[in-house]
PDB file of N, CA and C in Angstrom:
ATOM      1  N   MET A   1      52.317  66.857 125.059  1.00  0.00           N
ATOM      2  CA  MET A   1      51.584  67.543 125.928  1.00  0.00           C
ATOM      3  C   MET A   1      50.281  68.225 125.068  1.00  0.00           C
ATOM      4  N   PRO A   2      49.642  68.204 125.094  1.00  0.00           N
ATOM      5  CA  PRO A   2      48.066  68.374 124.880  1.00  0.00           C
ATOM      6  C   PRO A   2      48.242  69.947 124.346  1.00  0.00           C
ATOM      7  N   LYS A   3      47.324  69.973 123.071  1.00  0.00           N
ATOM      8  CA  LYS A   3      47.347  71.241 122.822  1.00  0.00           C
ATOM      9  C   LYS A   3      46.437  71.861 123.149  1.00  0.00           C
ATOM     10  N   PRO A   4      46.066  73.443 123.487  1.00  0.00           N
ATOM     11  CA  PRO A   4      44.880  73.769 124.059  1.00  0.00           C
ATOM     12  C   PRO A   4      43.820  73.993 123.340  1.00  0.00           C
ATOM     13  N   SER A   5      43.653  73.659 121.846  1.00  0.00           N
ATOM     14  CA  SER A   5      42.632  73.526 121.965  1.00  0.00           C
ATOM     15  C   SER A   5      41.748  72.291 122.021  1.00  0.00           C
ATOM     16  N   SER A   6      42.674  71.476 122.726  1.00  0.00           N
ATOM     17  CA  SER A   6      41.823  70.264 123.121  1.00  0.00           C
ATOM     18  C   SER A   6      41.333  70.003 124.276  1.00  0.00           C
ATOM     19  N   LEU A   7      41.862  70.956 125.271  1.00  0.00           N
ATOM     20  CA  LEU A   7      41.765  71.480 126.393  1.00  0.00           C
ATOM     21  C   LEU A   7      39.923  71.854 126.380  1.00  0.00           C
ATOM     22  N   THR A   8      39.000  71.086 127.314  1.00  0.00           N
ATOM     23  CA  THR A   8      37.425  71.640 127.399  1.00  0.00           C
ATOM     24  C   THR A   8      37.851  73.483 127.951  1.00  0.00           C
ATOM     25  N   PRO A   9      36.507  73.979 127.409  1.00  0.00           N
ATOM     26  CA  PRO A   9      36.752  75.281 127.670  1.00  0.00           C
ATOM     27  C   PRO A   9      36.739  76.018 129.251  1.00  0.00           C
ATOM     28  N   ARG A  10      36.501  74.891 129.897  1.00  0.00           N
ATOM     29  CA  ARG A  10      36.806  75.261 131.321  1.00  0.00           C
ATOM     30  C   ARG A  10      37.895  75.136 131.669  1.00  0.00           C
ATOM     31  N   LEU A  11      38.930  73.801 131.162  1.00  0.00           N
ATOM     32  CA  LEU A  11      40.172  74.213 131.759  1.00  0.00           C
ATOM     33  C   LEU A  11      41.093  75.221 131.196  1.00  0.00           C
ATOM     34  N   ARG A  12      40.519  75.414 129.780  1.00  0.00           N
ATOM     35  CA  ARG A  12      41.414  76.603 129.237  1.00  0.00           C
ATOM     36  C   ARG A  12      41.087  77.818 129.831  1.00  0.00           C
ATOM     37  N   PHE A  13      40.235  77.940 130.621  1.00  0.00           N
ATOM     38  CA  PHE A  13      39.955  78.982 131.206  1.00  0.00           C
ATOM     39  C   PHE A  13      40.697  79.522 132.943  1.00  0.00           C
ATOM     40  N   TRP A  14      41.029  77.987 133.084  1.00  0.00           N
ATOM     41  CA  TRP A  14      42.431  78.057 134.504  1.00  0.00           C
ATOM     42  C   TRP A  14      43.102  78.512 134.213  1.00  0.00           C
ATOM     43  N   ALA A  15      43.808  77.748 132.871  1.00  0.00           N
ATOM     44  CA  ALA A  15      45.088  77.681 132.173  1.00  0.00           C
ATOM     45  C   ALA A  15      45.597  79.110 132.415  1.00  0.00           C
ATOM     46  N   ALA A  16      44.555  79.969 131.696  1.00  0.00           N
ATOM     47  CA  ALA A  16      45.032  81.129 131.499  1.00  0.00           C
ATOM     48  C   ALA A  16      45.050  82.006 132.692  1.00  0.00           C
ATOM     49  N   HIS A  17      44.300  81.608 133.746  1.00  0.00           N
ATOM     50  CA  HIS A  17      44.599  82.505 134.915  1.00  0.00           C
ATOM     51  C   HIS A  17      45.829  82.066 135.586  1.00  0.00           C
ATOM     52  N   LEU A  18      46.125  80.231 135.210  1.00  0.00           N
ATOM     53  CA  LEU A  18      47.421  80.057 136.186  1.00  0.00           C
ATOM     54  C   LEU A  18      48.483  80.833 135.347  1.00  0.00           C
ATOM     55  N   HIS A  19      48.213  80.892 134.185  1.00  0.00           N
ATOM     56  CA  HIS A  19      49.086  81.797 133.053  1.00  0.00           C
ATOM     57  C   HIS A  19      49.582  83.474 133.630  1.00  0.00           C
ATOM     58  N   ALA A  20      48.578  83.807 133.803  1.00  0.00           N
ATOM     59  CA  ALA A  20      48.912  85.089 134.694  1.00  0.00           C
ATOM     60  C   ALA A  20      49.170  84.981 135.405  1.00  0.00           C
ATOM     61  N   CYS A  21      48.985  84.251 136.627  1.00  0.00           N
ATOM     62  CA  CYS A  21      49.347  84.371 138.169  1.00  0.00           C
ATOM     63  C   CYS A  21      50.843  83.767 138.423  1.00  0.00           C
ATOM     64  N   THR A  22      51.290  82.989 137.274  1.00  0.00           N
ATOM     65  CA  THR A  22      52.754  82.550 136.838  1.00  0.00           C
ATOM     66  C   THR A  22      53.487  83.862 136.237  1.00  0.00           C
ATOM     67  N   GLU A  23      52.739  84.889 135.372  1.00  0.00           N
ATOM     68  CA  GLU A  23      53.790  85.797 134.802  1.00  0.00           C
ATOM     69  C   GLU A  23      54.059  86.794 135.995  1.00  0.00           C
ATOM     70  N   ARG A  24      52.958  86.898 136.382  1.00  0.00           N
ATOM     71  CA  ARG A  24      52.803  88.339 137.814  1.00  0.00           C
ATOM     72  C   ARG A  24      53.569  87.726 139.172  1.00  0.00           C
ATOM     73  N   LYS A  25      54.499  86.437 139.179  1.00  0.00           N
ATOM     74  CA  LYS A  25      54.630  85.736 140.258  1.00  0.00           C
ATOM     75  C   LYS A  25      54.094  85.968 141.225  1.00  0.00           C
ATOM     76  N   GLN A  26      52.674  85.776 141.348  1.00  0.00           N
ATOM     77  CA  GLN A  26      52.000  85.570 142.588  1.00  0.00           C
ATOM     78  C   GLN A  26      51.877  84.408 142.976  1.00  0.00           C
ATOM     79  N   THR A  27      51.320  84.376 144.358  1.00  0.00           N
ATOM     80  CA  THR A  27      50.851  82.950 144.703  1.00  0.00           C
ATOM     81  C   THR A  27      49.614  82.498 143.988  1.00  0.00           C
ATOM     82  N   LEU A  28      49.323  81.583 144.568  1.00  0.00           N
ATOM     83  CA  LEU A  28      47.614  81.150 143.933  1.00  0.00           C
ATOM     84  C   LEU A  28      47.042  81.797 144.954  1.00  0.00           C
ATOM     85  N   SER A  29      46.901  82.050 145.581  1.00  0.00           N
ATOM     86  CA  SER A  29      46.467  82.320 147.118  1.00  0.00           C
ATOM     87  C   SER A  29      46.329  83.796 146.961  1.00  0.00           C
ATOM     88  N   ALA A  30      47.118  85.163 146.422  1.00  0.00           N
ATOM     89  CA  ALA A  30      46.721  86.122 146.431  1.00  0.00           C
ATOM     90  C   ALA A  30      46.665  86.337 144.394  1.00  0.00           C
ATOM     91  N   TYR A  31      46.721  85.677 144.211  1.00  0.00           N
ATOM     92  CA  TYR A  31      45.575  86.076 142.777  1.00  0.00           C
ATOM     93  C   TYR A  31      44.185  85.588 142.770  1.00  0.00           C
ATOM     94  N   ALA A  32      44.316  84.247 143.226  1.00  0.00           N
ATOM     95  CA  ALA A  32      42.910  84.069 143.605  1.00  0.00           C
ATOM     96  C   ALA A  32      42.015  85.262 144.591  1.00  0.00           C
ATOM     97  N   ALA A  33      42.375  85.508 145.296  1.00  0.00           N
ATOM     98  CA  ALA A  33      41.853  86.502 146.071  1.00  0.00           C
ATOM     99  C   ALA A  33      41.794  87.916 145.589  1.00  0.00           C
ATOM    100  N   GLU A  34      42.644  88.570 144.527  1.00  0.00           N
ATOM    101  CA  GLU A  34      42.842  89.560 143.742  1.00  0.00           C
ATOM    102  C   GLU A  34      41.935  89.403 142.763  1.00  0.00           C
ATOM    103  N   HIS A  35      41.365  88.298 142.275  1.00  0.00           N
ATOM    104  CA  HIS A  35      40.488  88.029 140.770  1.00  0.00           C
ATOM    105  C   HIS A  35      38.931  87.588 141.669  1.00  0.00           C
ATOM    106  N   GLY A  36      38.758  87.406 142.542  1.00  0.00           N
ATOM    107  CA  GLY A  36      37.739  86.874 143.122  1.00  0.00           C
ATOM    108  C   GLY A  36      37.383  85.314 142.892  1.00  0.00           C
ATOM    109  N   LEU A  37      38.458  84.408 142.732  1.00  0.00           N
ATOM    110  CA  LEU A  37      38.284  83.143 142.797  1.00  0.00           C
ATOM    111  C   LEU A  37      38.524  82.509 143.681  1.00  0.00           C
ATOM    112  N   ALA A  38      38.201  81.206 143.504  1.00  0.00           N
ATOM    113  CA  ALA A  38      38.167  80.078 144.672  1.00  0.00           C
ATOM    114  C   ALA A  38      39.992  79.484 144.711  1.00  0.00           C
ATOM    115  N   VAL A  39      40.849  79.979 145.762  1.00  0.00           N
ATOM    116  CA  VAL A  39      42.287  79.245 145.387  1.00  0.00           C
ATOM    117  C   VAL A  39      41.934  77.127 145.573  1.00  0.00           C
ATOM    118  N   GLY A  40      41.020  77.236 145.981  1.00  0.00           N
ATOM    119  CA  GLY A  40      40.920  75.652 145.640  1.00  0.00           C
ATOM    120  C   GLY A  40      40.538  75.198 144.312  1.00  0.00           C
ATOM    121  N   ALA A  41      40.347  75.770 143.851  1.00  0.00           N
ATOM    122  CA  ALA A  41      39.798  75.823 142.216  1.00  0.00           C
ATOM    123  C   ALA A  41      40.780  75.902 141.615  1.00  0.00           C
ATOM    124  N   LEU A  42      41.536  76.954 141.703  1.00  0.00           N
ATOM    125  CA  LEU A  42      43.276  76.917 140.910  1.00  0.00           C
ATOM    126  C   LEU A  42      43.633  75.986 141.059  1.00  0.00           C
ATOM    127  N   TYR A  43      43.942  75.392 142.542  1.00  0.00           N
ATOM    128  CA  TYR A  43      44.645  74.477 142.713  1.00  0.00           C
ATOM    129  C   TYR A  43      44.576  73.031 142.358  1.00  0.00           C
ATOM    130  N   GLU A  44      42.979  72.942 142.121  1.00  0.00           N
ATOM    131  CA  GLU A  44      42.421  71.825 141.139  1.00  0.00           C
ATOM    132  C   GLU A  44      42.684  71.706 139.550  1.00  0.00           C
ATOM    133  N   ALA A  45      42.360  72.770 139.006  1.00  0.00           N
ATOM    134  CA  ALA A  45      42.742  72.497 137.705  1.00  0.00           C
ATOM    135  C   ALA A  45      44.733  72.998 137.626  1.00  0.00           C
ATOM    136  N   LYS A  46      45.383  73.182 137.859  1.00  0.00           N
ATOM    137  CA  LYS A  46      46.350  72.978 138.162  1.00  0.00           C
ATOM    138  C   LYS A  46      46.539  71.649 138.422  1.00  0.00           C
ATOM    139  N   SER A  47      46.346  70.865 139.063  1.00  0.00           N
ATOM    140  CA  SER A  47      46.551  69.591 139.214  1.00  0.00           C
ATOM    141  C   SER A  47      45.869  68.271 138.176  1.00  0.00           C
ATOM    142  N   ARG A  48      44.849  68.975 137.575  1.00  0.00           N
ATOM    143  CA  ARG A  48      44.063  68.194 136.917  1.00  0.00           C
ATOM    144  C   ARG A  48      45.161  68.456 135.273  1.00  0.00           C
ATOM    145  N   LEU A  49      45.601  69.793 135.422  1.00  0.00           N
ATOM    146  CA  LEU A  49      46.211  69.954 133.798  1.00  0.00           C
ATOM    147  C   LEU A  49      47.970  69.182 133.924  1.00  0.00           C
ATOM    148  N   LYS A  50      48.022  69.437 135.087  1.00  0.00           N
ATOM    149  CA  LYS A  50      49.536  68.648 135.183  1.00  0.00           C
ATOM    150  C   LYS A  50      49.054  66.827 134.883  1.00  0.00           C
ATOM    151  N   ARG A  51      47.982  66.797 135.139  1.00  0.00           N
ATOM    152  CA  ARG A  51      47.764  65.126 134.882  1.00  0.00           C
ATOM    153  C   ARG A  51      47.458  64.733 133.412  1.00  0.00           C
ATOM    154  N   LEU A  52      47.310  66.127 132.943  1.00  0.00           N
ATOM    155  CA  LEU A  52      46.752  65.532 131.282  1.00  0.00           C
ATOM    156  C   LEU A  52      47.979  66.278 130.427  1.00  0.00           C
ATOM    157  N   GLY A  53      49.429  66.600 131.201  1.00  0.00           N
ATOM    158  CA  GLY A  53      50.787  66.766 131.029  1.00  0.00           C
ATOM    159  C   GLY A  53      49.908  68.365 130.278  1.00  0.00           C
ATOM    160  N   ALA A  54      49.210  69.009 130.064  1.00  0.00           N
ATOM    161  CA  ALA A  54      48.803  70.572 129.642  1.00  0.00           C
ATOM    162  C   ALA A  54      49.666  71.192 130.724  1.00  0.00           C
ATOM    163  N   TRP A  55      50.157  71.525 131.552  1.00  0.00           N
ATOM    164  CA  TRP A  55      51.102  72.174 133.143  1.00  0.00           C
ATOM    165  C   TRP A  55      52.187  71.531 133.093  1.00  0.00           C
ATOM    166  N   PRO A  56      53.291  72.436 132.962  1.00  0.00           N
ATOM    167  CA  PRO A  56      54.617  71.706 133.374  1.00  0.00           C
ATOM    168  C   PRO A  56      54.597  71.293 134.958  1.00  0.00           C
ATOM    169  N   ALA A  57      55.213  70.302 134.907  1.00  0.00           N
ATOM    170  CA  ALA A  57      55.415  69.755 136.594  1.00  0.00           C
ATOM    171  C   ALA A  57      56.707  70.453 136.962  1.00  0.00           C
ATOM    172  N   ALA A  58      56.742  70.697 138.744  1.00  0.00           N
ATOM    173  CA  ALA A  58      57.749  71.363 139.057  1.00  0.00           C
ATOM    174  C   ALA A  58      58.911  70.435 138.868  1.00  0.00           C
ATOM    175  N   ALA A  59      60.191  71.109 139.047  1.00  0.00           N
ATOM    176  CA  ALA A  59      60.970  70.412 138.750  1.00  0.00           C
ATOM    177  C   ALA A  59      61.829  70.182 139.930  1.00  0.00           C
ATOM    178  N   PRO A  60      61.890  68.812 140.577  1.00  0.00           N
ATOM    179  CA  PRO A  60      62.273  67.728 141.844  1.00  0.00           C
ATOM    180  C   PRO A  60      63.346  68.645 142.156  1.00  0.00           C
ATOM    181  N   ARG A  61      62.623  68.592 143.258  1.00  0.00           N
ATOM    182  CA  ARG A  61      64.037  69.470 144.990  1.00  0.00           C
ATOM    183  C   ARG A  61      65.277  68.576 144.948  1.00  0.00           C
ATOM    184  N   PRO A  62      66.122  68.852 145.017  1.00  0.00           N
ATOM    185  CA  PRO A  62      67.371  67.854 145.520  1.00  0.00           C
ATOM    186  C   PRO A  62      66.849  67.609 147.086  1.00  0.00           C
ATOM    187  N   ARG A  63      66.908  66.060 146.872  1.00  0.00           N
ATOM    188  CA  ARG A  63      66.946  65.453 148.595  1.00  0.00           C
ATOM    189  C   ARG A  63      68.267  65.975 149.476  1.00  0.00           C
ATOM    190  N   PHE A  64      69.045  65.609 149.316  1.00  0.00           N
ATOM    191  CA  PHE A  64      70.163  66.180 149.816  1.00  0.00           C
ATOM    192  C   PHE A  64      70.883  67.637 149.248  1.00  0.00           C
ATOM    193  N   VAL A  65      71.767  68.576 150.469  1.00  0.00           N
ATOM    194  CA  VAL A  65      72.480  69.381 149.763  1.00  0.00           C
ATOM    195  C   VAL A  65      74.130  69.306 149.984  1.00  0.00           C
ATOM    196  N   GLN A  66      75.029  69.614 149.522  1.00  0.00           N
ATOM    197  CA  GLN A  66      76.281  69.192 149.977  1.00  0.00           C
ATOM    198  C   GLN A  66      76.640  70.115 150.728  1.00  0.00           C
ATOM    199  N   VAL A  67      77.388  70.160 151.814  1.00  0.00           N
ATOM    200  CA  VAL A  67      77.965  70.680 152.392  1.00  0.00           C
ATOM    201  C   VAL A  67      79.296  70.907 153.043  1.00  0.00           C
ATOM    202  N   ALA A  68      79.823  71.860 152.667  1.00  0.00           N
ATOM    203  CA  ALA A  68      81.544  72.600 152.866  1.00  0.00           C
ATOM    204  C   ALA A  68      82.134  72.763 154.012  1.00  0.00           C
ATOM    205  N   GLU A  69      82.785  72.468 154.569  1.00  0.00           N
ATOM    206  CA  GLU A  69      83.234  73.269 155.547  1.00  0.00           C
ATOM    207  C   GLU A  69      84.715  74.292 155.130  1.00  0.00           C
ATOM    208  N   ILE A  70      83.976  75.398 155.322  1.00  0.00           N
ATOM    209  CA  ILE A  70      85.158  76.843 155.473  1.00  0.00           C
ATOM    210  C   ILE A  70      86.305  76.861 155.993  1.00  0.00           C
ATOM    211  N   VAL A  71      87.379  76.434 155.001  1.00  0.00           N
ATOM    212  CA  VAL A  71      88.398  76.634 155.865  1.00  0.00           C
ATOM    213  C   VAL A  71      88.661  78.293 156.692  1.00  0.00           C
ATOM    214  N   GLY A  72      89.352  77.701 157.757  1.00  0.00           N
ATOM    215  CA  GLY A  72      90.025  79.110 158.372  1.00  0.00           C
ATOM    216  C   GLY A  72      88.937  79.829 159.315  1.00  0.00           C
ATOM    217  N   ALA A  73      87.565  79.317 159.208  1.00  0.00           N
ATOM    218  CA  ALA A  73      86.284  79.627 159.699  1.00  0.00           C
ATOM    219  C   ALA A  73      86.508  79.615 161.147  1.00  0.00           C
ATOM    220  N   GLN A  74      86.079  80.377 161.992  1.00  0.00           N
ATOM    221  CA  GLN A  74      85.812  80.090 163.617  1.00  0.00           C
ATOM    222  C   GLN A  74      85.002  79.459 163.941  1.00  0.00           C
ATOM    223  N   PRO A  75      84.546  78.572 164.359  1.00  0.00           N
ATOM    224  CA  PRO A  75      83.235  78.383 165.420  1.00  0.00           C
ATOM    225  C   PRO A  75      82.573  79.209 166.500  1.00  0.00           C
ATOM    226  N   ALA A  76      81.666  79.310 166.379  1.00  0.00           N
ATOM    227  CA  ALA A  76      80.410  80.096 167.744  1.00  0.00           C
ATOM    228  C   ALA A  76      81.203  79.273 168.519  1.00  0.00           C
ATOM    229  N   PRO A  77      81.806  80.383 169.838  1.00  0.00           N
ATOM    230  CA  PRO A  77      81.864  80.036 170.958  1.00  0.00           C
ATOM    231  C   PRO A  77      80.700  79.490 171.245  1.00  0.00           C
ATOM    232  N   VAL A  78      80.848  77.982 172.552  1.00  0.00           N
ATOM    233  CA  VAL A  78      79.591  77.128 172.804  1.00  0.00           C
ATOM    234  C   VAL A  78      79.572  77.966 174.261  1.00  0.00           C
ATOM    235  N   ARG A  79      78.155  78.423 174.413  1.00  0.00           N
ATOM    236  CA  ARG A  79      78.015  79.104 175.703  1.00  0.00           C
ATOM    237  C   ARG A  79      77.199  77.839 176.461  1.00  0.00           C
ATOM    238  N   CYS A  80      77.370  77.938 178.102  1.00  0.00           N
ATOM    239  CA  CYS A  80      76.774  77.373 179.148  1.00  0.00           C
ATOM    240  C   CYS A  80      76.449  78.012 180.318  1.00  0.00           C
ATOM    241  N   ARG A  81      75.252  77.549 180.908  1.00  0.00           N
ATOM    242  CA  ARG A  81      74.820  78.303 182.401  1.00  0.00           C
ATOM    243  C   ARG A  81      75.040  76.646 182.886  1.00  0.00           C
ATOM    244  N   VAL A  82      75.326  76.898 184.150  1.00  0.00           N
ATOM    245  CA  VAL A  82      75.308  75.839 184.877  1.00  0.00           C
ATOM    246  C   VAL A  82      74.347  76.575 186.180  1.00  0.00           C
ATOM    247  N   ARG A  83      73.594  75.572 186.934  1.00  0.00           N
ATOM    248  CA  ARG A  83      72.688  76.713 187.857  1.00  0.00           C
ATOM    249  C   ARG A  83      72.726  75.568 189.136  1.00  0.00           C
ATOM    250  N   LEU A  84      74.034  75.832 190.156  1.00  0.00           N
ATOM    251  CA  LEU A  84      73.979  74.964 191.355  1.00  0.00           C
ATOM    252  C   LEU A  84      73.029  74.754 192.517  1.00  0.00           C
ATOM    253  N   PRO A  85      72.499  73.564 193.000  1.00  0.00           N
ATOM    254  CA  PRO A  85      71.754  73.559 193.763  1.00  0.00           C
ATOM    255  C   PRO A  85      71.876  74.436 195.404  1.00  0.00           C
ATOM    256  N   ASN A  86      72.844  75.361 195.315  1.00  0.00           N
ATOM    257  CA  ASN A  86      72.983  76.327 196.091  1.00  0.00           C
ATOM    258  C   ASN A  86      72.783  77.828 195.597  1.00  0.00           C
ATOM    259  N   GLY A  87      72.107  77.936 194.294  1.00  0.00           N
ATOM    260  CA  GLY A  87      72.069  79.080 193.470  1.00  0.00           C
ATOM    261  C   GLY A  87      72.386  79.629 192.813  1.00  0.00           C
ATOM    262  N   VAL A  88      74.151  79.672 193.299  1.00  0.00           N
ATOM    263  CA  VAL A  88      75.060  79.634 192.198  1.00  0.00           C
ATOM    264  C   VAL A  88      74.910  79.422 191.105  1.00  0.00           C
ATOM    265  N   VAL A  89      74.839  80.594 189.809  1.00  0.00           N
ATOM    266  CA  VAL A  89      75.054  80.126 188.317  1.00  0.00           C
ATOM    267  C   VAL A  89      76.223  81.009 187.939  1.00  0.00           C
ATOM    268  N   VAL A  90      76.832  79.831 187.547  1.00  0.00           N
ATOM    269  CA  VAL A  90      78.035  80.225 185.839  1.00  0.00           C
ATOM    270  C   VAL A  90      77.978  79.655 184.824  1.00  0.00           C
ATOM    271  N   ASP A  91      78.492  81.126 184.293  1.00  0.00           N
ATOM    272  CA  ASP A  91      78.226  81.343 182.711  1.00  0.00           C
ATOM    273  C   ASP A  91      79.783  81.211 182.124  1.00  0.00           C
ATOM    274  N   THR A  92      79.464  80.403 181.208  1.00  0.00           N
ATOM    275  CA  THR A  92      80.995  80.529 180.083  1.00  0.00           C
ATOM    276  C   THR A  92      80.835  80.014 179.116  1.00  0.00           C
ATOM    277  N   ALA A  93      81.885  80.316 178.722  1.00  0.00           N
ATOM    278  CA  ALA A  93      81.857  80.006 177.177  1.00  0.00           C
ATOM    279  C   ALA A  93      83.282  79.156 176.558  1.00  0.00           C
ATOM    280  N   GLY A  94      83.071  79.062 175.240  1.00  0.00           N
ATOM    281  CA  GLY A  94      84.456  78.391 174.418  1.00  0.00           C
ATOM    282  C   GLY A  94      84.905  76.861 174.916  1.00  0.00           C
ATOM    283  N   ALA A  95      86.225  76.973 175.156  1.00  0.00           N
ATOM    284  CA  ALA A  95      87.084  75.348 175.676  1.00  0.00           C
ATOM    285  C   ALA A  95      86.688  75.534 177.132  1.00  0.00           C
ATOM    286  N   GLU A  96      86.319  76.454 178.658  1.00  0.00           N
ATOM    287  CA  GLU A  96      85.919  76.368 179.405  1.00  0.00           C
ATOM    288  C   GLU A  96      85.160  74.874 179.603  1.00  0.00           C
ATOM    289  N   VAL A  97      84.224  75.258 178.485  1.00  0.00           N
ATOM    290  CA  VAL A  97      82.582  74.331 178.974  1.00  0.00           C
ATOM    291  C   VAL A  97      82.733  73.020 179.385  1.00  0.00           C
ATOM    292  N   ASP A  98      83.673  72.366 178.843  1.00  0.00           N
ATOM    293  CA  ASP A  98      84.353  71.026 178.943  1.00  0.00           C
ATOM    294  C   ASP A  98      84.934  70.911 181.235  1.00  0.00           C
ATOM    295  N   ALA A  99      85.699  72.130 180.822  1.00  0.00           N
ATOM    296  CA  ALA A  99      86.039  71.759 182.731  1.00  0.00           C
ATOM    297  C   ALA A  99      84.678  71.604 183.665  1.00  0.00           C
ATOM    298  N   VAL A 100      83.775  73.155 183.452  1.00  0.00           N
ATOM    299  CA  VAL A 100      82.742  73.217 183.873  1.00  0.00           C
ATOM    300  C   VAL A 100      81.556  72.663 184.091  1.00  0.00           C
ATOM    301  N   LEU A 101      81.550  71.349 182.902  1.00  0.00           N
ATOM    302  CA  LEU A 101      80.471  70.494 182.840  1.00  0.00           C
ATOM    303  C   LEU A 101      81.188  69.489 183.630  1.00  0.00           C
ATOM    304  N   ALA A 102      82.544  69.243 183.985  1.00  0.00           N
ATOM    305  CA  ALA A 102      83.201  68.169 184.663  1.00  0.00           C
ATOM    306  C   ALA A 102      83.280  68.259 185.913  1.00  0.00           C
ATOM    307  N   ALA A 103      82.960  69.990 186.742  1.00  0.00           N
ATOM    308  CA  ALA A 103      83.230  70.113 187.930  1.00  0.00           C
ATOM    309  C   ALA A 103      81.690  69.863 188.288  1.00  0.00           C
ATOM    310  N   ALA A 104      80.703  70.173 187.651  1.00  0.00           N
ATOM    311  CA  ALA A 104      79.432  70.165 187.756  1.00  0.00           C
ATOM    312  C   ALA A 104      78.805  68.621 188.414  1.00  0.00           C
ATOM    313  N   VAL A 105      79.614  67.850 187.234  1.00  0.00           N
ATOM    314  CA  VAL A 105      78.909  66.580 187.387  1.00  0.00           C
ATOM    315  C   VAL A 105      79.568  66.107 188.983  1.00  0.00           C
ATOM    316  N   ARG A 106      80.638  66.351 189.745  1.00  0.00           N
ATOM    317  CA  ARG A 106      81.502  66.024 190.722  1.00  0.00           C
ATOM    318  C   ARG A 106      80.972  66.588 191.716  1.00  0.00           C
ATOM    319  N   LEU A 107      80.031  67.714 191.723  1.00  0.00           N
ATOM    320  CA  LEU A 107      78.924  68.018 192.713  1.00  0.00           C
ATOM    321  C   LEU A 107      78.253  67.426 193.343  1.00  0.00           C
ATOM    322  N   PRO A 108      78.428  67.455 194.865  1.00  0.00           N
ATOM    323  CA  PRO A 108      77.593  66.143 195.595  1.00  0.00           C
ATOM    324  C   PRO A 108      75.879  66.589 195.106  1.00  0.00           C
TER     325      PRO A 108
END
């Protein structure tokens, strides 16, 4: 990582703002608006500092998340609404859905 003194004065200026933004836990957009800075310039400076190794790269996000079944959890009931050609509407939930759909398929 380069020493801060090896950066140009302009990059040191932006690095100081980026550090302040990070310390305050603000978004770059909010920080830029508060300080009258161009948000695009902040993003550009951050990108340039990363390329130079003077700003930490973001930790890679996991591409996959493990999903575990909760033992004993009841699934949400499946809800179904069938609108028949004669205008009748049938609402059902749970295990009855299969029977309603099978009956609806057999209708002329």
